[in-house]
Amino acid sequence: MDFRWRYQDAQGREVPGPEVAFADQQEAEEWFSSCWQELLDDGVEQVTLLHAESEVYGPMSLYSA
């Protein structure tokens, strides 16, 4: 199963973001740590990590990343 990020605004509404799938949680988190500022600049204010369709954790504010 793939890991991916759900992108949201501050009110929890989904917003567009990169559609990238990762083999494991560590890979997803490493990717996020390298590009969270770019996501924030593009209008993403919080993210949730998903494993298939199950939430691993989140929503997590990018303002505290």
C-alpha atoms as a PDB file:
ATOM      1  CA  MET A   1       0.000   0.000   0.000  1.00  0.00           C
ATOM      2  CA  ASP A   2       1.148   3.514  -0.776  1.00  0.00           C
ATOM      3  CA  PHE A   3       1.544   6.489   1.491  1.00  0.00           C
ATOM      4  CA  ARG A   4       0.459   9.913   0.281  1.00  0.00           C
ATOM      5  CA  TRP A   5      -0.388  13.347   1.618  1.00  0.00           C
ATOM      6  CA  ARG A   6      -3.801  15.018   1.713  1.00  0.00           C
ATOM      7  CA  TYR A   7      -3.475  18.797   1.291  1.00  0.00           C
ATOM      8  CA  GLN A   8      -5.896  21.185   2.970  1.00  0.00           C
ATOM      9  CA  ASP A   9      -6.476  24.842   3.730  1.00  0.00           C
ATOM     10  CA  ALA A  10      -6.820  26.134   7.304  1.00  0.00           C
ATOM     11  CA  GLN A  11     -10.536  25.236   7.346  1.00  0.00           C
ATOM     12  CA  GLY A  12      -9.864  21.616   6.367  1.00  0.00           C
ATOM     13  CA  ARG A  13     -11.014  21.917   2.750  1.00  0.00           C
ATOM     14  CA  GLU A  14      -8.939  19.901   0.322  1.00  0.00           C
ATOM     15  CA  VAL A  15      -6.710  21.917  -1.984  1.00  0.00           C
ATOM     16  CA  PRO A  16      -4.599  20.772  -4.933  1.00  0.00           C
ATOM     17  CA  GLY A  17      -1.084  19.553  -4.284  1.00  0.00           C
ATOM     18  CA  PRO A  18       1.501  17.213  -5.754  1.00  0.00           C
ATOM     19  CA  GLU A  19       0.127  13.739  -6.393  1.00  0.00           C
ATOM     20  CA  VAL A  20       3.066  11.711  -5.177  1.00  0.00           C
ATOM     21  CA  ALA A  21       2.927   8.191  -3.708  1.00  0.00           C
ATOM     22  CA  PHE A  22       5.598   6.747  -1.440  1.00  0.00           C
ATOM     23  CA  ALA A  23       6.578   3.184  -0.611  1.00  0.00           C
ATOM     24  CA  ASP A  24       6.780   3.808   3.129  1.00  0.00           C
ATOM     25  CA  GLN A  25       6.104   6.383   5.812  1.00  0.00           C
ATOM     26  CA  GLN A  26       9.743   7.416   6.179  1.00  0.00           C
ATOM     27  CA  GLU A  27      10.008   8.243   2.483  1.00  0.00           C
ATOM     28  CA  ALA A  28       6.810  10.320   2.655  1.00  0.00           C
ATOM     29  CA  GLU A  29       8.047  12.236   5.694  1.00  0.00           C
ATOM     30  CA  GLU A  30      11.474  12.899   4.151  1.00  0.00           C
ATOM     31  CA  TRP A  31       9.811  14.284   1.032  1.00  0.00           C
ATOM     32  CA  PHE A  32       7.519  16.485   3.133  1.00  0.00           C
ATOM     33  CA  SER A  33      10.394  17.847   5.225  1.00  0.00           C
ATOM     34  CA  SER A  34      12.195  18.928   2.057  1.00  0.00           C
ATOM     35  CA  CYS A  35       9.258  20.759   0.460  1.00  0.00           C
ATOM     36  CA  TRP A  36       6.838  21.928   3.185  1.00  0.00           C
ATOM     37  CA  GLN A  37       7.719  25.600   2.616  1.00  0.00           C
ATOM     38  CA  GLU A  38       6.922  25.305  -1.090  1.00  0.00           C
ATOM     39  CA  LEU A  39       3.568  23.701  -0.229  1.00  0.00           C
ATOM     40  CA  LEU A  40       2.787  26.543   2.168  1.00  0.00           C
ATOM     41  CA  ASP A  41       3.736  29.099  -0.496  1.00  0.00           C
ATOM     42  CA  ASP A  42       1.312  27.319  -2.873  1.00  0.00           C
ATOM     43  CA  GLY A  43      -1.630  27.658  -0.465  1.00  0.00           C
ATOM     44  CA  VAL A  44      -1.470  24.376   1.456  1.00  0.00           C
ATOM     45  CA  GLU A  45      -1.910  25.144   5.157  1.00  0.00           C
ATOM     46  CA  GLN A  46      -2.181  21.665   6.645  1.00  0.00           C
ATOM     47  CA  VAL A  47      -1.542  18.073   5.617  1.00  0.00           C
ATOM     48  CA  THR A  48      -2.641  14.598   6.645  1.00  0.00           C
ATOM     49  CA  LEU A  49      -0.560  11.498   5.974  1.00  0.00           C
ATOM     50  CA  LEU A  50      -2.581   8.653   4.468  1.00  0.00           C
ATOM     51  CA  HIS A  51      -1.762   4.958   4.140  1.00  0.00           C
ATOM     52  CA  ALA A  52      -4.076   3.780   1.389  1.00  0.00           C
ATOM     53  CA  GLU A  53      -7.248   5.595   2.538  1.00  0.00           C
ATOM     54  CA  SER A  54      -6.565   5.395   6.291  1.00  0.00           C
ATOM     55  CA  GLU A  55      -5.252   8.425   8.162  1.00  0.00           C
ATOM     56  CA  VAL A  56      -1.853   7.821   9.784  1.00  0.00           C
ATOM     57  CA  TYR A  57      -1.797  11.256  11.428  1.00  0.00           C
ATOM     58  CA  GLY A  58      -2.920  14.788  10.875  1.00  0.00           C
ATOM     59  CA  PRO A  59      -4.080  17.255  10.072  1.00  0.00           C
ATOM     60  CA  MET A  60      -0.759  18.916  10.786  1.00  0.00           C
ATOM     61  CA  SER A  61      -0.333  22.652  10.310  1.00  0.00           C
ATOM     62  CA  LEU A  62       2.458  23.755   8.003  1.00  0.00           C
ATOM     63  CA  TYR A  63       2.869  26.851  10.148  1.00  0.00           C
ATOM     64  CA  SER A  64       4.462  24.661  12.838  1.00  0.00           C
ATOM     65  CA  ALA A  65       6.469  22.434  10.483  1.00  0.00           C
END
